Amino acid sequence: MPLSTLEPLLKEHGFFQGLKPEYIQLLVECASNTRFEAGEMIFQRGEEANRFYLIRNGRVSIEISSPGKQAITIKTLADHDVLGWSWLYPPYEWQFDSRALELTRAIALDGRCLRGKCDNDPELGYEMMKRFSFIMLESLQATRLQLLDLYGLPEGKLL
């Protein structure tokens, strides 16, 4: 898909709602289309993190895994969700695993490209930090709920 056709997709995505048009244009310069087949690993903990994804359609799991144990799904993402925030913070490594649960089409945004644009324009950087802070908060809450479910902590003893 040519870059010019990604602009309306970025404008319409809820994650970028209210972002200045000139910032959308800067994002287009960092964007590309991508797809993942069912069962395909999108990323694994510890790998270099230099992308995030706007899921156009499909379903993706965010998982925690440990050797010899089955992966625990922390959260499942679907159409219009945002996947990935590790691109934003050094050492730029994924903190979780992610797998496509079905054919998933997404827009990938290059983290290196976007970090450079944020460094050059602190207002854009602040906008991105506000938006990703919310994504991180959602991830933390989902992890907390998963742990409560897993370990059955009594009410009133929340983390």
N, C-alpha and C. Protein backbone atom coordinates (compact mmCIF):
# COMPACT_ATOMS: atom_id res chain seq x y z
N MET A 1 0.85 -1.17 0.00
CA MET A 1 0.00 0.00 0.00
C MET A 1 0.90 1.24 0.00
N PRO A 2 0.71 2.15 -0.93
CA PRO A 2 1.54 3.36 -0.96
C PRO A 2 1.34 4.19 0.31
N LEU A 3 2.41 4.93 0.67
CA LEU A 3 2.35 5.74 1.88
C LEU A 3 1.16 6.68 1.89
N SER A 4 0.82 7.25 0.74
CA SER A 4 -0.28 8.22 0.69
C SER A 4 -1.60 7.60 1.13
N THR A 5 -1.76 6.28 0.94
CA THR A 5 -3.02 5.65 1.34
C THR A 5 -3.02 5.27 2.82
N LEU A 6 -1.86 5.33 3.47
CA LEU A 6 -1.82 5.06 4.91
C LEU A 6 -2.30 6.26 5.72
N GLU A 7 -2.19 7.44 5.16
CA GLU A 7 -2.58 8.65 5.89
C GLU A 7 -4.02 8.60 6.38
N PRO A 8 -5.00 8.26 5.54
CA PRO A 8 -6.38 8.21 6.06
C PRO A 8 -6.57 7.14 7.13
N LEU A 9 -5.84 6.03 7.02
CA LEU A 9 -5.94 4.97 8.03
C LEU A 9 -5.41 5.45 9.38
N LEU A 10 -4.32 6.20 9.36
CA LEU A 10 -3.78 6.73 10.60
C LEU A 10 -4.70 7.80 11.19
N LYS A 11 -5.22 8.67 10.33
CA LYS A 11 -6.13 9.73 10.79
C LYS A 11 -7.36 9.15 11.47
N GLU A 12 -7.87 8.05 10.92
CA GLU A 12 -9.11 7.45 11.43
C GLU A 12 -8.90 6.61 12.67
N HIS A 13 -7.67 6.20 12.94
CA HIS A 13 -7.42 5.33 14.09
C HIS A 13 -7.62 6.11 15.39
N GLY A 14 -8.37 5.54 16.30
CA GLY A 14 -8.69 6.19 17.56
C GLY A 14 -7.47 6.60 18.37
N PHE A 15 -6.39 5.87 18.24
CA PHE A 15 -5.17 6.17 18.99
C PHE A 15 -4.62 7.54 18.63
N PHE A 16 -4.83 7.96 17.39
CA PHE A 16 -4.31 9.24 16.93
C PHE A 16 -5.37 10.32 16.85
N GLN A 17 -6.55 10.06 17.39
CA GLN A 17 -7.64 11.04 17.39
C GLN A 17 -7.16 12.34 18.03
N GLY A 18 -7.40 13.45 17.33
CA GLY A 18 -7.05 14.77 17.85
C GLY A 18 -5.61 15.17 17.62
N LEU A 19 -4.81 14.30 16.99
CA LEU A 19 -3.42 14.63 16.69
C LEU A 19 -3.39 15.61 15.52
N LYS A 20 -2.52 16.59 15.59
CA LYS A 20 -2.41 17.60 14.53
C LYS A 20 -2.15 16.92 13.18
N PRO A 21 -2.76 17.45 12.11
CA PRO A 21 -2.55 16.86 10.77
C PRO A 21 -1.07 16.76 10.37
N GLU A 22 -0.27 17.74 10.76
CA GLU A 22 1.16 17.68 10.39
C GLU A 22 1.87 16.53 11.10
N TYR A 23 1.38 16.14 12.28
CA TYR A 23 1.96 15.00 12.97
C TYR A 23 1.55 13.69 12.31
N ILE A 24 0.31 13.64 11.82
CA ILE A 24 -0.12 12.45 11.08
C ILE A 24 0.79 12.26 9.88
N GLN A 25 1.11 13.34 9.18
CA GLN A 25 2.00 13.24 8.02
C GLN A 25 3.37 12.73 8.42
N LEU A 26 3.88 13.17 9.57
CA LEU A 26 5.17 12.66 10.05
C LEU A 26 5.08 11.17 10.36
N LEU A 27 3.96 10.74 10.92
CA LEU A 27 3.77 9.32 11.23
C LEU A 27 3.74 8.48 9.96
N VAL A 28 3.12 9.00 8.91
CA VAL A 28 3.04 8.27 7.64
C VAL A 28 4.45 7.95 7.14
N GLU A 29 5.38 8.85 7.37
CA GLU A 29 6.76 8.64 6.92
C GLU A 29 7.42 7.47 7.65
N CYS A 30 6.86 7.06 8.78
CA CYS A 30 7.42 5.96 9.58
C CYS A 30 6.58 4.68 9.45
N ALA A 31 5.54 4.70 8.64
CA ALA A 31 4.54 3.62 8.63
C ALA A 31 4.69 2.69 7.42
N SER A 32 4.28 1.44 7.64
CA SER A 32 4.22 0.46 6.55
C SER A 32 3.15 -0.57 6.89
N ASN A 33 2.64 -1.21 5.89
CA ASN A 33 1.67 -2.29 6.09
C ASN A 33 2.40 -3.58 6.41
N THR A 34 1.79 -4.41 7.23
CA THR A 34 2.36 -5.71 7.54
C THR A 34 1.24 -6.69 7.82
N ARG A 35 1.57 -7.97 7.79
CA ARG A 35 0.59 -9.01 8.13
C ARG A 35 1.30 -10.15 8.82
N PHE A 36 0.51 -10.84 9.64
CA PHE A 36 1.04 -11.99 10.38
C PHE A 36 0.06 -13.15 10.21
N GLU A 37 0.59 -14.32 9.95
CA GLU A 37 -0.23 -15.52 9.81
C GLU A 37 -0.63 -16.04 11.19
N ALA A 38 -1.72 -16.79 11.25
CA ALA A 38 -2.17 -17.39 12.51
C ALA A 38 -1.03 -18.22 13.11
N GLY A 39 -0.75 -18.00 14.38
CA GLY A 39 0.30 -18.73 15.08
C GLY A 39 1.68 -18.11 14.98
N GLU A 40 1.85 -17.14 14.12
CA GLU A 40 3.16 -16.51 13.93
C GLU A 40 3.51 -15.63 15.13
N MET A 41 4.75 -15.76 15.60
CA MET A 41 5.24 -14.88 16.66
C MET A 41 5.50 -13.50 16.05
N ILE A 42 4.98 -12.47 16.69
CA ILE A 42 5.20 -11.10 16.22
C ILE A 42 6.50 -10.59 16.84
N PHE A 43 6.67 -10.86 18.13
CA PHE A 43 7.92 -10.56 18.80
C PHE A 43 8.02 -11.41 20.05
N GLN A 44 9.26 -11.50 20.57
CA GLN A 44 9.51 -12.26 21.80
C GLN A 44 10.30 -11.41 22.78
N ARG A 45 10.02 -11.66 24.05
CA ARG A 45 10.69 -10.93 25.13
C ARG A 45 12.20 -10.96 24.91
N GLY A 46 12.84 -9.80 25.09
CA GLY A 46 14.28 -9.70 24.96
C GLY A 46 14.76 -9.32 23.57
N GLU A 47 13.92 -9.51 22.56
CA GLU A 47 14.31 -9.10 21.21
C GLU A 47 14.29 -7.58 21.10
N GLU A 48 15.02 -7.08 20.11
CA GLU A 48 15.05 -5.64 19.87
C GLU A 48 13.64 -5.15 19.52
N ALA A 49 13.23 -4.06 20.15
CA ALA A 49 11.90 -3.49 19.95
C ALA A 49 12.03 -2.15 19.24
N ASN A 50 11.72 -2.14 17.97
CA ASN A 50 11.80 -0.90 17.21
C ASN A 50 10.57 -0.71 16.33
N ARG A 51 9.44 -1.23 16.80
CA ARG A 51 8.18 -1.06 16.08
C ARG A 51 7.04 -1.07 17.07
N PHE A 52 5.94 -0.49 16.63
CA PHE A 52 4.66 -0.77 17.28
C PHE A 52 3.64 -0.93 16.17
N TYR A 53 2.49 -1.48 16.51
CA TYR A 53 1.54 -1.89 15.50
C TYR A 53 0.14 -1.37 15.81
N LEU A 54 -0.52 -0.87 14.78
CA LEU A 54 -1.94 -0.56 14.84
C LEU A 54 -2.64 -1.74 14.18
N ILE A 55 -3.39 -2.49 14.93
CA ILE A 55 -4.04 -3.68 14.38
C ILE A 55 -5.25 -3.23 13.56
N ARG A 56 -5.21 -3.54 12.27
CA ARG A 56 -6.33 -3.20 11.38
C ARG A 56 -7.43 -4.25 11.49
N ASN A 57 -7.03 -5.52 11.41
CA ASN A 57 -7.98 -6.61 11.66
C ASN A 57 -7.20 -7.86 12.04
N GLY A 58 -7.84 -8.65 12.89
CA GLY A 58 -7.21 -9.86 13.40
C GLY A 58 -7.22 -9.86 14.92
N ARG A 59 -6.54 -10.86 15.47
CA ARG A 59 -6.43 -10.99 16.94
C ARG A 59 -5.01 -11.38 17.29
N VAL A 60 -4.51 -10.78 18.36
CA VAL A 60 -3.13 -10.96 18.79
C VAL A 60 -3.12 -11.17 20.30
N SER A 61 -2.29 -12.09 20.77
CA SER A 61 -2.15 -12.28 22.21
C SER A 61 -0.86 -11.63 22.69
N ILE A 62 -0.91 -11.11 23.91
CA ILE A 62 0.28 -10.66 24.62
C ILE A 62 0.49 -11.69 25.72
N GLU A 63 1.69 -12.27 25.77
CA GLU A 63 1.92 -13.42 26.64
C GLU A 63 3.17 -13.24 27.49
N ILE A 64 3.17 -13.96 28.60
CA ILE A 64 4.36 -14.13 29.42
C ILE A 64 4.72 -15.60 29.33
N SER A 65 5.97 -15.88 29.06
CA SER A 65 6.38 -17.29 28.99
C SER A 65 7.60 -17.50 29.86
N SER A 66 7.75 -18.74 30.30
CA SER A 66 8.95 -19.14 31.03
C SER A 66 9.29 -20.56 30.61
N PRO A 67 10.57 -20.92 30.66
CA PRO A 67 10.98 -22.24 30.20
C PRO A 67 10.22 -23.36 30.91
N GLY A 68 9.76 -24.31 30.13
CA GLY A 68 9.09 -25.49 30.66
C GLY A 68 7.65 -25.27 31.08
N LYS A 69 7.13 -24.07 30.88
CA LYS A 69 5.74 -23.80 31.26
C LYS A 69 4.98 -23.25 30.07
N GLN A 70 3.69 -23.46 30.10
CA GLN A 70 2.84 -22.94 29.04
C GLN A 70 2.75 -21.42 29.18
N ALA A 71 2.75 -20.71 28.04
CA ALA A 71 2.63 -19.26 28.05
C ALA A 71 1.31 -18.84 28.67
N ILE A 72 1.32 -17.74 29.40
CA ILE A 72 0.11 -17.18 30.00
C ILE A 72 -0.28 -15.97 29.17
N THR A 73 -1.50 -15.96 28.68
CA THR A 73 -1.99 -14.81 27.93
C THR A 73 -2.42 -13.73 28.91
N ILE A 74 -1.80 -12.58 28.79
CA ILE A 74 -2.10 -11.44 29.65
C ILE A 74 -3.24 -10.63 29.06
N LYS A 75 -3.24 -10.51 27.75
CA LYS A 75 -4.24 -9.68 27.09
C LYS A 75 -4.37 -10.14 25.65
N THR A 76 -5.57 -10.01 25.12
CA THR A 76 -5.82 -10.29 23.71
C THR A 76 -6.26 -8.99 23.05
N LEU A 77 -5.60 -8.65 21.96
CA LEU A 77 -5.90 -7.43 21.22
C LEU A 77 -6.61 -7.78 19.92
N ALA A 78 -7.39 -6.85 19.42
CA ALA A 78 -8.15 -7.08 18.19
C ALA A 78 -8.18 -5.80 17.36
N ASP A 79 -9.09 -5.76 16.41
CA ASP A 79 -9.21 -4.64 15.49
C ASP A 79 -9.14 -3.30 16.23
N HIS A 80 -8.32 -2.40 15.69
CA HIS A 80 -8.17 -1.02 16.16
C HIS A 80 -7.35 -0.87 17.43
N ASP A 81 -6.81 -1.97 17.97
CA ASP A 81 -5.97 -1.87 19.16
C ASP A 81 -4.53 -1.52 18.76
N VAL A 82 -3.74 -1.14 19.75
CA VAL A 82 -2.32 -0.80 19.56
C VAL A 82 -1.48 -1.85 20.27
N LEU A 83 -0.47 -2.36 19.59
CA LEU A 83 0.41 -3.39 20.12
C LEU A 83 1.82 -2.84 20.22
N GLY A 84 2.36 -2.83 21.43
CA GLY A 84 3.78 -2.54 21.62
C GLY A 84 4.06 -1.14 22.14
N TRP A 85 4.85 -1.09 23.21
CA TRP A 85 5.32 0.19 23.73
C TRP A 85 6.81 0.15 24.06
N SER A 86 7.43 -0.99 23.93
CA SER A 86 8.84 -1.13 24.31
C SER A 86 9.79 -0.36 23.40
N TRP A 87 9.33 0.03 22.23
CA TRP A 87 10.14 0.82 21.29
C TRP A 87 10.47 2.20 21.87
N LEU A 88 9.72 2.62 22.88
CA LEU A 88 9.78 3.98 23.38
C LEU A 88 10.83 4.16 24.49
N TYR A 89 11.24 3.07 25.14
CA TYR A 89 12.11 3.17 26.31
C TYR A 89 13.35 2.30 26.16
N PRO A 90 14.54 2.90 26.43
CA PRO A 90 15.76 2.09 26.41
C PRO A 90 15.62 0.97 27.42
N PRO A 91 16.14 -0.18 27.17
CA PRO A 91 17.07 -0.53 26.09
C PRO A 91 16.38 -0.99 24.81
N TYR A 92 15.12 -0.61 24.61
CA TYR A 92 14.37 -0.94 23.40
C TYR A 92 14.33 -2.45 23.15
N GLU A 93 13.86 -3.16 24.17
CA GLU A 93 13.66 -4.62 24.09
C GLU A 93 12.23 -4.93 24.48
N TRP A 94 11.66 -5.92 23.80
CA TRP A 94 10.29 -6.34 24.12
C TRP A 94 10.25 -6.91 25.53
N GLN A 95 9.20 -6.58 26.25
CA GLN A 95 9.02 -7.03 27.63
C GLN A 95 8.11 -8.25 27.73
N PHE A 96 7.37 -8.53 26.67
CA PHE A 96 6.45 -9.66 26.61
C PHE A 96 6.64 -10.36 25.27
N ASP A 97 5.91 -11.46 25.08
CA ASP A 97 5.82 -12.12 23.78
C ASP A 97 4.49 -11.73 23.16
N SER A 98 4.44 -11.80 21.84
CA SER A 98 3.18 -11.55 21.15
C SER A 98 3.05 -12.51 19.98
N ARG A 99 1.82 -13.02 19.81
CA ARG A 99 1.55 -14.02 18.77
C ARG A 99 0.24 -13.66 18.07
N ALA A 100 0.22 -13.83 16.76
CA ALA A 100 -1.02 -13.66 16.00
C ALA A 100 -1.89 -14.90 16.24
N LEU A 101 -3.11 -14.69 16.66
CA LEU A 101 -4.03 -15.80 16.91
C LEU A 101 -4.79 -16.19 15.65
N GLU A 102 -4.84 -15.28 14.72
CA GLU A 102 -5.45 -15.50 13.41
C GLU A 102 -4.75 -14.57 12.43
N LEU A 103 -5.06 -14.68 11.15
CA LEU A 103 -4.47 -13.76 10.18
C LEU A 103 -4.71 -12.34 10.67
N THR A 104 -3.64 -11.58 10.81
CA THR A 104 -3.72 -10.23 11.35
C THR A 104 -3.03 -9.27 10.40
N ARG A 105 -3.75 -8.22 10.05
CA ARG A 105 -3.19 -7.14 9.23
C ARG A 105 -3.01 -5.93 10.13
N ALA A 106 -1.86 -5.26 9.97
CA ALA A 106 -1.55 -4.14 10.84
C ALA A 106 -0.75 -3.09 10.09
N ILE A 107 -0.70 -1.92 10.68
CA ILE A 107 0.22 -0.88 10.23
C ILE A 107 1.35 -0.89 11.24
N ALA A 108 2.57 -1.09 10.75
CA ALA A 108 3.75 -1.06 11.60
C ALA A 108 4.33 0.35 11.56
N LEU A 109 4.67 0.88 12.72
CA LEU A 109 5.34 2.18 12.78
C LEU A 109 6.74 1.96 13.31
N ASP A 110 7.71 2.46 12.58
CA ASP A 110 9.12 2.28 12.89
C ASP A 110 9.48 3.14 14.09
N GLY A 111 9.89 2.51 15.17
CA GLY A 111 10.21 3.22 16.41
C GLY A 111 11.43 4.12 16.29
N ARG A 112 12.44 3.69 15.57
CA ARG A 112 13.63 4.54 15.40
C ARG A 112 13.26 5.83 14.69
N CYS A 113 12.52 5.68 13.61
CA CYS A 113 12.06 6.83 12.84
C CYS A 113 11.24 7.77 13.73
N LEU A 114 10.32 7.19 14.48
CA LEU A 114 9.44 8.01 15.31
C LEU A 114 10.18 8.64 16.49
N ARG A 115 11.12 7.92 17.09
CA ARG A 115 11.92 8.51 18.17
C ARG A 115 12.67 9.74 17.68
N GLY A 116 13.21 9.64 16.48
CA GLY A 116 13.92 10.79 15.90
C GLY A 116 12.99 11.98 15.71
N LYS A 117 11.80 11.72 15.24
CA LYS A 117 10.83 12.80 15.03
C LYS A 117 10.40 13.40 16.37
N CYS A 118 10.24 12.57 17.39
CA CYS A 118 9.87 13.06 18.72
C CYS A 118 11.01 13.87 19.34
N ASP A 119 12.25 13.44 19.13
CA ASP A 119 13.39 14.20 19.63
C ASP A 119 13.45 15.59 19.00
N ASN A 120 13.11 15.66 17.71
CA ASN A 120 13.15 16.93 16.99
C ASN A 120 11.96 17.82 17.29
N ASP A 121 10.87 17.25 17.80
CA ASP A 121 9.66 18.02 18.08
C ASP A 121 9.10 17.57 19.43
N PRO A 122 9.49 18.25 20.51
CA PRO A 122 9.05 17.84 21.85
C PRO A 122 7.52 17.80 22.01
N GLU A 123 6.79 18.61 21.28
CA GLU A 123 5.33 18.56 21.38
C GLU A 123 4.80 17.22 20.85
N LEU A 124 5.36 16.76 19.74
CA LEU A 124 4.98 15.44 19.23
C LEU A 124 5.39 14.37 20.24
N GLY A 125 6.59 14.50 20.81
CA GLY A 125 7.04 13.54 21.80
C GLY A 125 6.11 13.47 23.00
N TYR A 126 5.65 14.62 23.46
CA TYR A 126 4.72 14.65 24.59
C TYR A 126 3.40 13.99 24.22
N GLU A 127 2.90 14.25 23.03
CA GLU A 127 1.66 13.61 22.57
C GLU A 127 1.80 12.09 22.54
N MET A 128 2.93 11.61 22.05
CA MET A 128 3.14 10.17 21.98
C MET A 128 3.27 9.57 23.39
N MET A 129 3.97 10.27 24.28
CA MET A 129 4.11 9.78 25.66
C MET A 129 2.75 9.68 26.36
N LYS A 130 1.90 10.68 26.18
CA LYS A 130 0.57 10.64 26.79
C LYS A 130 -0.21 9.44 26.28
N ARG A 131 -0.16 9.22 24.98
CA ARG A 131 -0.94 8.13 24.38
C ARG A 131 -0.39 6.77 24.81
N PHE A 132 0.92 6.62 24.84
CA PHE A 132 1.50 5.33 25.22
C PHE A 132 1.45 5.09 26.72
N SER A 133 1.41 6.13 27.50
CA SER A 133 1.22 5.95 28.95
C SER A 133 -0.10 5.25 29.23
N PHE A 134 -1.11 5.60 28.47
CA PHE A 134 -2.42 4.96 28.63
C PHE A 134 -2.33 3.48 28.24
N ILE A 135 -1.63 3.17 27.15
CA ILE A 135 -1.46 1.77 26.71
C ILE A 135 -0.73 0.98 27.80
N MET A 136 0.30 1.58 28.38
CA MET A 136 1.06 0.90 29.43
C MET A 136 0.21 0.68 30.68
N LEU A 137 -0.61 1.66 31.03
CA LEU A 137 -1.50 1.51 32.17
C LEU A 137 -2.47 0.36 31.94
N GLU A 138 -3.03 0.27 30.74
CA GLU A 138 -3.93 -0.84 30.41
C GLU A 138 -3.21 -2.18 30.54
N SER A 139 -1.96 -2.24 30.08
CA SER A 139 -1.18 -3.48 30.17
C SER A 139 -0.93 -3.86 31.63
N LEU A 140 -0.59 -2.90 32.43
CA LEU A 140 -0.35 -3.16 33.84
C LEU A 140 -1.63 -3.66 34.53
N GLN A 141 -2.75 -3.04 34.23
CA GLN A 141 -4.02 -3.47 34.82
C GLN A 141 -4.40 -4.89 34.35
N ALA A 142 -4.18 -5.18 33.07
CA ALA A 142 -4.48 -6.52 32.57
C ALA A 142 -3.60 -7.57 33.25
N THR A 143 -2.33 -7.24 33.46
CA THR A 143 -1.41 -8.15 34.14
C THR A 143 -1.86 -8.38 35.58
N ARG A 144 -2.24 -7.32 36.26
CA ARG A 144 -2.72 -7.43 37.64
C ARG A 144 -3.94 -8.34 37.71
N LEU A 145 -4.90 -8.15 36.80
CA LEU A 145 -6.10 -8.99 36.79
C LEU A 145 -5.76 -10.44 36.50
N GLN A 146 -4.81 -10.66 35.61
CA GLN A 146 -4.40 -12.03 35.29
C GLN A 146 -3.76 -12.69 36.51
N LEU A 147 -2.94 -11.95 37.23
CA LEU A 147 -2.31 -12.49 38.44
C LEU A 147 -3.35 -12.78 39.52
N LEU A 148 -4.32 -11.91 39.66
CA LEU A 148 -5.39 -12.16 40.63
C LEU A 148 -6.14 -13.44 40.29
N ASP A 149 -6.40 -13.62 39.01
CA ASP A 149 -7.11 -14.82 38.55
C ASP A 149 -6.23 -16.06 38.76
N LEU A 150 -4.95 -15.93 38.48
CA LEU A 150 -4.02 -17.05 38.56
C LEU A 150 -3.77 -17.49 40.00
N TYR A 151 -3.60 -16.53 40.89
CA TYR A 151 -3.22 -16.86 42.26
C TYR A 151 -4.37 -16.75 43.25
N GLY A 152 -5.52 -16.28 42.78
CA GLY A 152 -6.71 -16.24 43.63
C GLY A 152 -6.52 -15.48 44.92
N LEU A 153 -5.92 -14.30 44.84
CA LEU A 153 -5.76 -13.50 46.04
C LEU A 153 -7.11 -13.12 46.62
N PRO A 154 -7.25 -13.15 47.93
CA PRO A 154 -8.53 -12.80 48.54
C PRO A 154 -8.86 -11.32 48.31
N GLU A 155 -10.16 -11.01 48.27
CA GLU A 155 -10.59 -9.63 48.10
C GLU A 155 -10.00 -8.78 49.21
N GLY A 156 -9.71 -7.53 48.88
CA GLY A 156 -9.11 -6.64 49.86
C GLY A 156 -7.60 -6.77 49.95
N LYS A 157 -7.05 -7.77 49.26
CA LYS A 157 -5.59 -7.96 49.25
C LYS A 157 -5.03 -7.71 47.85
N LEU A 158 -5.55 -6.69 47.19
CA LEU A 158 -5.13 -6.40 45.82
C LEU A 158 -3.71 -5.87 45.80
N LEU A 159 -3.06 -6.10 44.69
CA LEU A 159 -1.67 -5.64 44.52
C LEU A 159 -1.60 -4.15 44.46
